[in-house]
Every structure is written in structure tokens, then in C-alpha cells.
PDB file of N, CA and C in Angstrom:
ATOM      1  N   MET A   1      -2.313 -14.556  -8.479  1.00  0.00           N
ATOM      2  CA  MET A   1      -2.470 -14.568  -7.077  1.00  0.00           C
ATOM      3  C   MET A   1      -1.682 -13.378  -6.474  1.00  0.00           C
ATOM      4  N   GLY A   2      -2.071 -12.681  -5.297  1.00  0.00           N
ATOM      5  CA  GLY A   2      -1.484 -11.666  -4.886  1.00  0.00           C
ATOM      6  C   GLY A   2      -1.612 -11.631  -3.270  1.00  0.00           C
ATOM      7  N   THR A   3      -0.950 -10.548  -2.913  1.00  0.00           N
ATOM      8  CA  THR A   3      -1.187 -10.212  -1.376  1.00  0.00           C
ATOM      9  C   THR A   3      -1.456  -8.726  -1.372  1.00  0.00           C
ATOM     10  N   ASN A   4      -2.517  -8.494  -0.451  1.00  0.00           N
ATOM     11  CA  ASN A   4      -3.005  -7.117  -0.102  1.00  0.00           C
ATOM     12  C   ASN A   4      -2.041  -6.567   1.081  1.00  0.00           C
ATOM     13  N   TYR A   5      -1.810  -5.373   1.300  1.00  0.00           N
ATOM     14  CA  TYR A   5      -1.305  -4.685   2.384  1.00  0.00           C
ATOM     15  C   TYR A   5      -2.087  -3.442   2.901  1.00  0.00           C
ATOM     16  N   TYR A   6      -1.997  -3.543   4.146  1.00  0.00           N
ATOM     17  CA  TYR A   6      -2.998  -2.297   4.821  1.00  0.00           C
ATOM     18  C   TYR A   6      -1.963  -1.644   5.880  1.00  0.00           C
ATOM     19  N   ALA A   7      -2.412  -0.441   6.033  1.00  0.00           N
ATOM     20  CA  ALA A   7      -1.732   0.607   6.975  1.00  0.00           C
ATOM     21  C   ALA A   7      -2.902   0.281   8.189  1.00  0.00           C
ATOM     22  N   GLY A   8      -2.313  -0.181   9.251  1.00  0.00           N
ATOM     23  CA  GLY A   8      -3.307  -0.434  10.407  1.00  0.00           C
ATOM     24  C   GLY A   8      -2.912   0.906  11.410  1.00  0.00           C
ATOM     25  N   PHE A   9      -4.210   1.252  12.003  1.00  0.00           N
ATOM     26  CA  PHE A   9      -4.073   2.273  13.030  1.00  0.00           C
ATOM     27  C   PHE A   9      -5.204   1.920  14.091  1.00  0.00           C
ATOM     28  N   ASN A  10      -5.175   2.668  15.138  1.00  0.00           N
ATOM     29  CA  ASN A  10      -6.020   2.392  16.350  1.00  0.00           C
ATOM     30  C   ASN A  10      -5.858   0.875  16.622  1.00  0.00           C
ATOM     31  N   CYS A  11      -4.581   0.414  16.887  1.00  0.00           N
ATOM     32  CA  CYS A  11      -4.302  -0.833  17.064  1.00  0.00           C
ATOM     33  C   CYS A  11      -4.263  -1.182  18.595  1.00  0.00           C
ATOM     34  N   CYS A  12      -5.217  -2.124  18.853  1.00  0.00           N
ATOM     35  CA  CYS A  12      -5.473  -2.641  20.255  1.00  0.00           C
ATOM     36  C   CYS A  12      -4.282  -3.713  20.651  1.00  0.00           C
ATOM     37  N   LYS A  13      -3.617  -3.235  21.816  1.00  0.00           N
ATOM     38  CA  LYS A  13      -2.536  -4.240  22.350  1.00  0.00           C
ATOM     39  C   LYS A  13      -3.151  -5.460  22.862  1.00  0.00           C
ATOM     40  N   HIS A  14      -4.346  -5.460  23.257  1.00  0.00           N
ATOM     41  CA  HIS A  14      -4.943  -6.650  23.918  1.00  0.00           C
ATOM     42  C   HIS A  14      -5.595  -7.598  22.926  1.00  0.00           C
ATOM     43  N   CYS A  15      -6.329  -6.958  22.190  1.00  0.00           N
ATOM     44  CA  CYS A  15      -7.023  -7.810  21.252  1.00  0.00           C
ATOM     45  C   CYS A  15      -6.556  -8.105  19.728  1.00  0.00           C
ATOM     46  N   LYS A  16      -5.621  -7.187  19.501  1.00  0.00           N
ATOM     47  CA  LYS A  16      -4.871  -7.115  18.289  1.00  0.00           C
ATOM     48  C   LYS A  16      -5.900  -6.592  17.172  1.00  0.00           C
ATOM     49  N   ARG A  17      -7.054  -6.005  17.428  1.00  0.00           N
ATOM     50  CA  ARG A  17      -7.865  -5.372  16.400  1.00  0.00           C
ATOM     51  C   ARG A  17      -7.255  -4.190  15.924  1.00  0.00           C
ATOM     52  N   TYR A  18      -7.625  -3.685  14.901  1.00  0.00           N
ATOM     53  CA  TYR A  18      -7.105  -2.531  14.215  1.00  0.00           C
ATOM     54  C   TYR A  18      -8.040  -2.042  13.174  1.00  0.00           C
ATOM     55  N   ASP A  19      -8.036  -0.738  12.878  1.00  0.00           N
ATOM     56  CA  ASP A  19      -8.672   0.006  11.794  1.00  0.00           C
ATOM     57  C   ASP A  19      -7.595   0.006  10.548  1.00  0.00           C
ATOM     58  N   LYS A  20      -8.082  -0.064   9.421  1.00  0.00           N
ATOM     59  CA  LYS A  20      -7.126  -0.096   8.311  1.00  0.00           C
ATOM     60  C   LYS A  20      -7.422   0.764   6.979  1.00  0.00           C
ATOM     61  N   HIS A  21      -6.197   1.137   6.245  1.00  0.00           N
ATOM     62  CA  HIS A  21      -6.519   1.725   4.991  1.00  0.00           C
ATOM     63  C   HIS A  21      -5.633   0.605   4.145  1.00  0.00           C
ATOM     64  N   HIS A  22      -6.235   0.482   2.863  1.00  0.00           N
ATOM     65  CA  HIS A  22      -5.612  -0.478   1.966  1.00  0.00           C
ATOM     66  C   HIS A  22      -4.408   0.309   1.204  1.00  0.00           C
ATOM     67  N   ILE A  23      -3.335  -0.147   1.444  1.00  0.00           N
ATOM     68  CA  ILE A  23      -2.012   0.339   0.734  1.00  0.00           C
ATOM     69  C   ILE A  23      -2.091   0.089  -0.671  1.00  0.00           C
ATOM     70  N   GLY A  24      -2.260  -1.277  -0.955  1.00  0.00           N
ATOM     71  CA  GLY A  24      -2.157  -1.846  -2.376  1.00  0.00           C
ATOM     72  C   GLY A  24      -1.811  -3.179  -2.217  1.00  0.00           C
ATOM     73  N   LYS A  25      -1.325  -3.813  -3.707  1.00  0.00           N
ATOM     74  CA  LYS A  25      -1.273  -5.106  -3.603  1.00  0.00           C
ATOM     75  C   LYS A  25       0.008  -5.584  -4.447  1.00  0.00           C
ATOM     76  N   SER A  26       0.643  -6.675  -4.070  1.00  0.00           N
ATOM     77  CA  SER A  26       1.772  -7.210  -4.626  1.00  0.00           C
ATOM     78  C   SER A  26       1.227  -8.527  -5.295  1.00  0.00           C
ATOM     79  N   SER A  27       1.538  -8.511  -6.465  1.00  0.00           N
ATOM     80  CA  SER A  27       1.141  -9.926  -7.412  1.00  0.00           C
ATOM     81  C   SER A  27       2.386 -10.286  -8.023  1.00  0.00           C
ATOM     82  N   ALA A  28       2.656 -11.660  -8.193  1.00  0.00           N
ATOM     83  CA  ALA A  28       3.733 -12.102  -8.919  1.00  0.00           C
ATOM     84  C   ALA A  28       3.782 -11.642 -10.351  1.00  0.00           C
ATOM     85  N   GLY A  29       5.121 -11.195 -10.728  1.00  0.00           N
ATOM     86  CA  GLY A  29       5.068 -10.765 -12.167  1.00  0.00           C
ATOM     87  C   GLY A  29       4.609  -9.362 -12.369  1.00  0.00           C
ATOM     88  N   TRP A  30       4.162  -8.594 -11.416  1.00  0.00           N
ATOM     89  CA  TRP A  30       3.556  -7.360 -11.505  1.00  0.00           C
ATOM     90  C   TRP A  30       4.334  -6.295 -10.607  1.00  0.00           C
ATOM     91  N   THR A  31       4.359  -4.972 -11.000  1.00  0.00           N
ATOM     92  CA  THR A  31       4.826  -4.058 -10.031  1.00  0.00           C
ATOM     93  C   THR A  31       3.769  -3.931  -8.872  1.00  0.00           C
ATOM     94  N   PHE A  32       4.173  -3.316  -7.706  1.00  0.00           N
ATOM     95  CA  PHE A  32       3.369  -3.026  -6.738  1.00  0.00           C
ATOM     96  C   PHE A  32       2.227  -2.200  -7.167  1.00  0.00           C
ATOM     97  N   THR A  33       0.922  -2.285  -6.962  1.00  0.00           N
ATOM     98  CA  THR A  33      -0.079  -1.344  -7.187  1.00  0.00           C
ATOM     99  C   THR A  33      -0.549  -0.711  -5.938  1.00  0.00           C
ATOM    100  N   PHE A  34      -0.471   0.663  -5.994  1.00  0.00           N
ATOM    101  CA  PHE A  34      -0.946   1.378  -4.713  1.00  0.00           C
ATOM    102  C   PHE A  34      -2.194   1.697  -4.933  1.00  0.00           C
ATOM    103  N   HIS A  35      -3.001   1.992  -3.759  1.00  0.00           N
ATOM    104  CA  HIS A  35      -4.204   2.398  -3.628  1.00  0.00           C
ATOM    105  C   HIS A  35      -4.344   3.970  -3.496  1.00  0.00           C
ATOM    106  N   VAL A  36      -5.065   4.657  -4.164  1.00  0.00           N
ATOM    107  CA  VAL A  36      -5.162   6.190  -4.024  1.00  0.00           C
ATOM    108  C   VAL A  36      -6.345   6.322  -2.928  1.00  0.00           C
ATOM    109  N   ILE A  37      -6.059   7.192  -2.039  1.00  0.00           N
ATOM    110  CA  ILE A  37      -7.104   7.677  -1.042  1.00  0.00           C
ATOM    111  C   ILE A  37      -7.277   9.155  -1.169  1.00  0.00           C
ATOM    112  N   ASP A  38      -8.347   9.412  -1.890  1.00  0.00           N
ATOM    113  CA  ASP A  38      -8.759  10.694  -2.422  1.00  0.00           C
ATOM    114  C   ASP A  38      -9.032  11.767  -1.021  1.00  0.00           C
ATOM    115  N   GLU A  39      -9.793  11.367  -0.153  1.00  0.00           N
ATOM    116  CA  GLU A  39      -9.954  12.209   1.047  1.00  0.00           C
ATOM    117  C   GLU A  39     -10.628  11.213   1.949  1.00  0.00           C
ATOM    118  N   TYR A  40      -9.971  11.044   3.067  1.00  0.00           N
ATOM    119  CA  TYR A  40     -10.678  10.090   4.089  1.00  0.00           C
ATOM    120  C   TYR A  40     -10.062  10.689   5.536  1.00  0.00           C
ATOM    121  N   ASP A  41     -10.898  11.377   6.256  1.00  0.00           N
ATOM    122  CA  ASP A  41     -10.681  11.835   7.507  1.00  0.00           C
ATOM    123  C   ASP A  41      -9.314  12.907   7.320  1.00  0.00           C
ATOM    124  N   GLY A  42      -9.099  13.518   6.334  1.00  0.00           N
ATOM    125  CA  GLY A  42      -8.102  14.508   6.360  1.00  0.00           C
ATOM    126  C   GLY A  42      -6.848  13.682   5.659  1.00  0.00           C
ATOM    127  N   LEU A  43      -6.970  12.485   5.261  1.00  0.00           N
ATOM    128  CA  LEU A  43      -5.954  11.780   4.596  1.00  0.00           C
ATOM    129  C   LEU A  43      -6.019  11.772   2.996  1.00  0.00           C
ATOM    130  N   LYS A  44      -4.964  12.235   2.472  1.00  0.00           N
ATOM    131  CA  LYS A  44      -5.136  12.185   1.015  1.00  0.00           C
ATOM    132  C   LYS A  44      -3.735  11.561   0.436  1.00  0.00           C
ATOM    133  N   ILE A  45      -3.833  10.691  -0.262  1.00  0.00           N
ATOM    134  CA  ILE A  45      -2.556   9.889  -0.840  1.00  0.00           C
ATOM    135  C   ILE A  45      -2.617   9.708  -2.257  1.00  0.00           C
ATOM    136  N   SER A  46      -1.663  10.263  -2.923  1.00  0.00           N
ATOM    137  CA  SER A  46      -1.754   9.928  -4.485  1.00  0.00           C
ATOM    138  C   SER A  46      -0.311   9.665  -4.979  1.00  0.00           C
ATOM    139  N   SER A  47       0.599   9.397  -4.076  1.00  0.00           N
ATOM    140  CA  SER A  47       2.161   9.027  -4.464  1.00  0.00           C
ATOM    141  C   SER A  47       2.683   8.245  -3.468  1.00  0.00           C
ATOM    142  N   TYR A  48       3.697   7.398  -3.995  1.00  0.00           N
ATOM    143  CA  TYR A  48       4.496   6.692  -3.008  1.00  0.00           C
ATOM    144  C   TYR A  48       4.997   7.683  -1.939  1.00  0.00           C
ATOM    145  N   LYS A  49       5.495   8.774  -2.087  1.00  0.00           N
ATOM    146  CA  LYS A  49       6.064   9.602  -1.167  1.00  0.00           C
ATOM    147  C   LYS A  49       4.911   9.915  -0.129  1.00  0.00           C
ATOM    148  N   ASP A  50       3.756  10.053  -0.516  1.00  0.00           N
ATOM    149  CA  ASP A  50       2.554  10.322   0.383  1.00  0.00           C
ATOM    150  C   ASP A  50       2.541   9.230   1.267  1.00  0.00           C
ATOM    151  N   TRP A  51       2.568   7.790   0.642  1.00  0.00           N
ATOM    152  CA  TRP A  51       2.353   6.554   1.407  1.00  0.00           C
ATOM    153  C   TRP A  51       3.510   6.494   2.600  1.00  0.00           C
ATOM    154  N   LEU A  52       4.576   6.746   2.022  1.00  0.00           N
ATOM    155  CA  LEU A  52       5.724   6.722   3.065  1.00  0.00           C
ATOM    156  C   LEU A  52       5.669   7.618   4.302  1.00  0.00           C
ATOM    157  N   LYS A  53       5.221   8.914   3.993  1.00  0.00           N
ATOM    158  CA  LYS A  53       5.058   9.728   5.088  1.00  0.00           C
ATOM    159  C   LYS A  53       4.064   9.244   6.052  1.00  0.00           C
ATOM    160  N   HIS A  54       2.889   8.716   5.457  1.00  0.00           N
ATOM    161  CA  HIS A  54       1.813   8.179   6.414  1.00  0.00           C
ATOM    162  C   HIS A  54       2.321   6.922   7.182  1.00  0.00           C
ATOM    163  N   LEU A  55       2.977   6.144   6.391  1.00  0.00           N
ATOM    164  CA  LEU A  55       3.613   4.954   6.997  1.00  0.00           C
ATOM    165  C   LEU A  55       4.629   5.012   8.009  1.00  0.00           C
ATOM    166  N   LYS A  56       5.366   6.090   8.083  1.00  0.00           N
ATOM    167  CA  LYS A  56       6.394   6.471   9.069  1.00  0.00           C
ATOM    168  C   LYS A  56       5.912   6.894  10.333  1.00  0.00           C
ATOM    169  N   GLN A  57       4.655   7.188  10.435  1.00  0.00           N
ATOM    170  CA  GLN A  57       4.016   7.638  11.671  1.00  0.00           C
ATOM    171  C   GLN A  57       3.925   6.467  12.721  1.00  0.00           C
ATOM    172  N   GLU A  58       4.379   6.823  13.965  1.00  0.00           N
ATOM    173  CA  GLU A  58       4.650   5.918  14.997  1.00  0.00           C
ATOM    174  C   GLU A  58       3.417   4.956  15.144  1.00  0.00           C
ATOM    175  N   GLU A  59       2.230   5.540  15.069  1.00  0.00           N
ATOM    176  CA  GLU A  59       0.994   4.794  15.335  1.00  0.00           C
ATOM    177  C   GLU A  59       0.543   3.909  14.208  1.00  0.00           C
ATOM    178  N   ILE A  60       1.285   4.030  13.047  1.00  0.00           N
ATOM    179  CA  ILE A  60       0.927   3.218  11.930  1.00  0.00           C
ATOM    180  C   ILE A  60       1.590   1.891  11.942  1.00  0.00           C
ATOM    181  N   LYS A  61       1.011   0.925  11.618  1.00  0.00           N
ATOM    182  CA  LYS A  61       1.659  -0.437  11.462  1.00  0.00           C
ATOM    183  C   LYS A  61       1.322  -0.940  10.092  1.00  0.00           C
ATOM    184  N   ILE A  62       2.119  -1.809   9.331  1.00  0.00           N
ATOM    185  CA  ILE A  62       1.921  -2.418   8.184  1.00  0.00           C
ATOM    186  C   ILE A  62       1.612  -3.915   8.342  1.00  0.00           C
ATOM    187  N   PHE A  63       0.487  -4.247   7.789  1.00  0.00           N
ATOM    188  CA  PHE A  63      -0.112  -5.603   8.015  1.00  0.00           C
ATOM    189  C   PHE A  63      -0.347  -6.292   6.473  1.00  0.00           C
ATOM    190  N   ASN A  64      -0.192  -7.418   6.118  1.00  0.00           N
ATOM    191  CA  ASN A  64      -0.480  -8.181   5.046  1.00  0.00           C
ATOM    192  C   ASN A  64      -1.857  -8.655   5.364  1.00  0.00           C
ATOM    193  N   GLU A  65      -2.597  -9.158   4.301  1.00  0.00           N
ATOM    194  CA  GLU A  65      -3.969  -9.596   4.409  1.00  0.00           C
ATOM    195  C   GLU A  65      -4.069 -10.783   5.320  1.00  0.00           C
ATOM    196  N   TYR A  66      -2.947 -11.429   5.827  1.00  0.00           N
ATOM    197  CA  TYR A  66      -3.191 -12.442   6.717  1.00  0.00           C
ATOM    198  C   TYR A  66      -2.772 -11.973   8.186  1.00  0.00           C
ATOM    199  N   ASP A  67      -2.760 -10.809   8.445  1.00  0.00           N
ATOM    200  CA  ASP A  67      -2.475  -9.970   9.702  1.00  0.00           C
ATOM    201  C   ASP A  67      -1.118 -10.167  10.031  1.00  0.00           C
ATOM    202  N   ASP A  68      -0.320 -10.427   9.379  1.00  0.00           N
ATOM    203  CA  ASP A  68       1.177 -10.628   9.565  1.00  0.00           C
ATOM    204  C   ASP A  68       1.739  -9.177   9.484  1.00  0.00           C
ATOM    205  N   GLU A  69       2.266  -8.842  10.628  1.00  0.00           N
ATOM    206  CA  GLU A  69       2.953  -7.321  10.737  1.00  0.00           C
ATOM    207  C   GLU A  69       4.198  -7.271   9.757  1.00  0.00           C
ATOM    208  N   VAL A  70       4.391  -6.081   9.032  1.00  0.00           N
ATOM    209  CA  VAL A  70       5.546  -6.172   8.089  1.00  0.00           C
ATOM    210  C   VAL A  70       6.261  -4.802   8.515  1.00  0.00           C
ATOM    211  N   LYS A  71       7.450  -4.880   8.635  1.00  0.00           N
ATOM    212  CA  LYS A  71       8.220  -3.864   8.997  1.00  0.00           C
ATOM    213  C   LYS A  71       8.379  -2.778   7.739  1.00  0.00           C
ATOM    214  N   LEU A  72       8.360  -1.534   7.894  1.00  0.00           N
ATOM    215  CA  LEU A  72       8.403  -0.599   6.988  1.00  0.00           C
ATOM    216  C   LEU A  72       9.679  -0.879   6.060  1.00  0.00           C
ATOM    217  N   GLU A  73      10.913  -1.190   6.513  1.00  0.00           N
ATOM    218  CA  GLU A  73      11.983  -1.329   5.675  1.00  0.00           C
ATOM    219  C   GLU A  73      11.828  -2.623   4.799  1.00  0.00           C
ATOM    220  N   ASP A  74      11.038  -3.564   5.234  1.00  0.00           N
ATOM    221  CA  ASP A  74      10.886  -4.799   4.514  1.00  0.00           C
ATOM    222  C   ASP A  74       9.819  -4.422   3.241  1.00  0.00           C
ATOM    223  N   PHE A  75       8.978  -3.571   3.654  1.00  0.00           N
ATOM    224  CA  PHE A  75       7.828  -3.189   2.831  1.00  0.00           C
ATOM    225  C   PHE A  75       8.431  -2.280   1.608  1.00  0.00           C
ATOM    226  N   LYS A  76       9.353  -1.346   1.981  1.00  0.00           N
ATOM    227  CA  LYS A  76      10.049  -0.615   0.972  1.00  0.00           C
ATOM    228  C   LYS A  76      10.899  -1.412   0.094  1.00  0.00           C
ATOM    229  N   SER A  77      11.560  -2.300   0.615  1.00  0.00           N
ATOM    230  CA  SER A  77      12.333  -3.329  -0.151  1.00  0.00           C
ATOM    231  C   SER A  77      11.666  -4.161  -1.205  1.00  0.00           C
ATOM    232  N   MET A  78      10.566  -4.466  -0.622  1.00  0.00           N
ATOM    233  CA  MET A  78       9.650  -5.327  -1.566  1.00  0.00           C
ATOM    234  C   MET A  78       9.054  -4.473  -2.629  1.00  0.00           C
ATOM    235  N   VAL A  79       8.688  -3.138  -2.442  1.00  0.00           N
ATOM    236  CA  VAL A  79       8.246  -2.262  -3.370  1.00  0.00           C
ATOM    237  C   VAL A  79       9.264  -1.988  -4.460  1.00  0.00           C
ATOM    238  N   LYS A  80      10.466  -1.796  -3.931  1.00  0.00           N
ATOM    239  CA  LYS A  80      11.637  -1.505  -4.713  1.00  0.00           C
ATOM    240  C   LYS A  80      11.982  -2.650  -5.710  1.00  0.00           C
ATOM    241  N   ASN A  81      11.967  -4.020  -5.199  1.00  0.00           N
ATOM    242  CA  ASN A  81      12.057  -5.236  -5.952  1.00  0.00           C
ATOM    243  C   ASN A  81      10.894  -5.351  -6.971  1.00  0.00           C
ATOM    244  N   LYS A  82       9.771  -5.065  -6.565  1.00  0.00           N
ATOM    245  CA  LYS A  82       8.653  -5.342  -7.543  1.00  0.00           C
ATOM    246  C   LYS A  82       8.655  -4.260  -8.722  1.00  0.00           C
ATOM    247  N   LYS A  83       9.239  -3.097  -8.545  1.00  0.00           N
ATOM    248  CA  LYS A  83       9.369  -2.055  -9.414  1.00  0.00           C
ATOM    249  C   LYS A  83      10.102  -2.521 -10.674  1.00  0.00           C
ATOM    250  N   LYS A  84      10.893  -3.688 -10.541  1.00  0.00           N
ATOM    251  CA  LYS A  84      11.721  -4.041 -11.776  1.00  0.00           C
ATOM    252  C   LYS A  84      10.787  -4.983 -12.751  1.00  0.00           C
ATOM    253  N   GLU A  85       9.570  -5.451 -12.263  1.00  0.00           N
ATOM    254  CA  GLU A  85       8.659  -6.209 -12.957  1.00  0.00           C
ATOM    255  C   GLU A  85       8.246  -5.332 -14.194  1.00  0.00           C
ATOM    256  N   LYS A  86       7.952  -6.062 -15.290  1.00  0.00           N
ATOM    257  CA  LYS A  86       7.564  -5.327 -16.568  1.00  0.00           C
ATOM    258  C   LYS A  86       5.983  -5.033 -16.671  1.00  0.00           C
ATOM    259  N   ASN A  87       5.336  -5.804 -15.928  1.00  0.00           N
ATOM    260  CA  ASN A  87       3.741  -5.740 -15.887  1.00  0.00           C
ATOM    261  C   ASN A  87       3.467  -4.678 -14.922  1.00  0.00           C
ATOM    262  N   ASN A  88       2.505  -3.808 -15.325  1.00  0.00           N
ATOM    263  CA  ASN A  88       1.971  -2.732 -14.538  1.00  0.00           C
ATOM    264  C   ASN A  88       0.554  -2.704 -14.430  1.00  0.00           C
ATOM    265  N   HIS A  89      -0.210  -3.383 -13.375  1.00  0.00           N
ATOM    266  CA  HIS A  89      -1.619  -3.624 -13.142  1.00  0.00           C
ATOM    267  C   HIS A  89      -2.185  -2.079 -13.414  1.00  0.00           C
ATOM    268  N   ALA A  90      -1.708  -1.225 -12.739  1.00  0.00           N
ATOM    269  CA  ALA A  90      -2.508   0.180 -12.576  1.00  0.00           C
ATOM    270  C   ALA A  90      -2.659   0.799 -14.072  1.00  0.00           C
ATOM    271  N   LEU A  91      -1.637   0.597 -14.928  1.00  0.00           N
ATOM    272  CA  LEU A  91      -2.013   1.172 -16.300  1.00  0.00           C
ATOM    273  C   LEU A  91      -2.953   0.375 -17.168  1.00  0.00           C
ATOM    274  N   LEU A  92      -3.255  -0.977 -16.793  1.00  0.00           N
ATOM    275  CA  LEU A  92      -4.220  -1.690 -17.536  1.00  0.00           C
ATOM    276  C   LEU A  92      -5.602  -1.402 -17.253  1.00  0.00           C
ATOM    277  N   HIS A  93      -5.851  -0.720 -15.866  1.00  0.00           N
ATOM    278  CA  HIS A  93      -7.046  -0.466 -15.389  1.00  0.00           C
ATOM    279  C   HIS A  93      -7.342   1.029 -15.003  1.00  0.00           C
ATOM    280  N   GLY A  94      -6.843   1.968 -15.892  1.00  0.00           N
ATOM    281  CA  GLY A  94      -7.227   3.245 -15.871  1.00  0.00           C
ATOM    282  C   GLY A  94      -6.379   4.100 -14.607  1.00  0.00           C
ATOM    283  N   GLY A  95      -5.391   3.458 -14.238  1.00  0.00           N
ATOM    284  CA  GLY A  95      -4.681   4.165 -13.134  1.00  0.00           C
ATOM    285  C   GLY A  95      -3.722   5.073 -13.719  1.00  0.00           C
ATOM    286  N   PHE A  96      -2.743   5.429 -12.931  1.00  0.00           N
ATOM    287  CA  PHE A  96      -1.558   6.350 -13.416  1.00  0.00           C
ATOM    288  C   PHE A  96      -0.296   5.861 -12.557  1.00  0.00           C
ATOM    289  N   LEU A  97       0.756   6.643 -13.123  1.00  0.00           N
ATOM    290  CA  LEU A  97       1.926   6.648 -12.500  1.00  0.00           C
ATOM    291  C   LEU A  97       2.224   7.906 -11.749  1.00  0.00           C
ATOM    292  N   ASP A  98       2.832   7.859 -10.435  1.00  0.00           N
ATOM    293  CA  ASP A  98       3.191   8.960  -9.746  1.00  0.00           C
ATOM    294  C   ASP A  98       4.534   9.439 -10.441  1.00  0.00           C
ATOM    295  N   ALA A  99       5.117  10.593  -9.859  1.00  0.00           N
ATOM    296  CA  ALA A  99       6.222  11.042 -10.213  1.00  0.00           C
ATOM    297  C   ALA A  99       7.611  10.195 -10.280  1.00  0.00           C
ATOM    298  N   ASP A 100       7.481   9.215  -9.386  1.00  0.00           N
ATOM    299  CA  ASP A 100       8.507   8.105  -9.355  1.00  0.00           C
ATOM    300  C   ASP A 100       8.344   6.847  -9.963  1.00  0.00           C
ATOM    301  N   GLY A 101       7.346   6.886 -10.719  1.00  0.00           N
ATOM    302  CA  GLY A 101       6.898   5.687 -11.561  1.00  0.00           C
ATOM    303  C   GLY A 101       6.310   4.454 -10.916  1.00  0.00           C
ATOM    304  N   HIS A 102       5.453   4.927  -9.806  1.00  0.00           N
ATOM    305  CA  HIS A 102       4.881   3.808  -9.072  1.00  0.00           C
ATOM    306  C   HIS A 102       3.371   3.882  -9.608  1.00  0.00           C
ATOM    307  N   GLY A 103       2.820   2.675  -9.711  1.00  0.00           N
ATOM    308  CA  GLY A 103       1.338   2.686 -10.255  1.00  0.00           C
ATOM    309  C   GLY A 103       0.391   2.871  -9.236  1.00  0.00           C
ATOM    310  N   PHE A 104      -0.659   3.469  -9.599  1.00  0.00           N
ATOM    311  CA  PHE A 104      -1.721   3.794  -8.609  1.00  0.00           C
ATOM    312  C   PHE A 104      -3.169   3.591  -9.186  1.00  0.00           C
ATOM    313  N   ASN A 105      -4.078   3.068  -8.398  1.00  0.00           N
ATOM    314  CA  ASN A 105      -5.302   3.005  -8.893  1.00  0.00           C
ATOM    315  C   ASN A 105      -6.339   3.433  -7.841  1.00  0.00           C
ATOM    316  N   LYS A 106      -7.547   4.136  -8.360  1.00  0.00           N
ATOM    317  CA  LYS A 106      -8.536   4.765  -7.513  1.00  0.00           C
ATOM    318  C   LYS A 106      -9.555   3.541  -7.467  1.00  0.00           C
ATOM    319  N   GLY A 107     -10.293   3.799  -6.258  1.00  0.00           N
ATOM    320  CA  GLY A 107     -11.510   2.864  -6.256  1.00  0.00           C
ATOM    321  C   GLY A 107     -11.047   1.695  -5.472  1.00  0.00           C
ATOM    322  N   TRP A 108     -11.833   0.817  -5.319  1.00  0.00           N
ATOM    323  CA  TRP A 108     -11.559  -0.692  -4.606  1.00  0.00           C
ATOM    324  C   TRP A 108     -10.894  -1.566  -5.615  1.00  0.00           C
ATOM    325  N   PHE A 109      -9.990  -2.422  -5.189  1.00  0.00           N
ATOM    326  CA  PHE A 109      -9.483  -3.581  -5.852  1.00  0.00           C
ATOM    327  C   PHE A 109      -8.814  -4.338  -4.844  1.00  0.00           C
ATOM    328  N   SER A 110      -8.631  -5.604  -5.289  1.00  0.00           N
ATOM    329  CA  SER A 110      -8.123  -6.589  -4.351  1.00  0.00           C
ATOM    330  C   SER A 110      -7.397  -7.650  -5.261  1.00  0.00           C
TER     331      SER A 110
END
């Protein structure tokens, strides 16, 4: 069992609707698995540093799959703590590690 995380943008203050990009997934006993974005409306992400640059933008908010907003510092802390786990989902499914050792997968996963 795990929790997916999304970068929300075009967030409506009134109805709380938002568009989103899948950041990745946190699962018990596994490192955080990030989602690669090859090219989407000029957005290209293939490293943790790329994700952080994107997530630091003022108009971006982080949400979990339950639509709970997650502060950037809390997200970064979770990713750091998950990095200590010995299982890496990305490496089991044809993914790769970025320069900082974070696991990435292309394509859709949940």
C-alpha cells in the first residue's frame, strides 16, 4: 500500500479543483519513486533537483492522492527519510537512479 503525490497547478480558490502532474509514490519499506516527465507543455523532469525546482514555484502546490495539501518542507523530509529504505521500486521495473540516488520510472505507475 502506498500514497501517490501530485504537483497541483491552476488551483481554483473557490472550488479547490486543480490540474496535476504525478510526482511519484511513497510505499512502506521502499524508497520514494519519482515519475519522469519526458516533455509536457515545456516541462521536462528526470531528477530530484528538477522536481524541487518545479515544486518551489509559487503557483505549485503538493497534494497527496487524498487531496491533502503537503508543505514542500514536509515532502522533502519524507523523501529524505524514505531514501534510507533498502528496497527501490524504480530499479525493479526498468527505472533509473538520478545523480543523487533517487529512483525514477517512466510511464504511468500508481
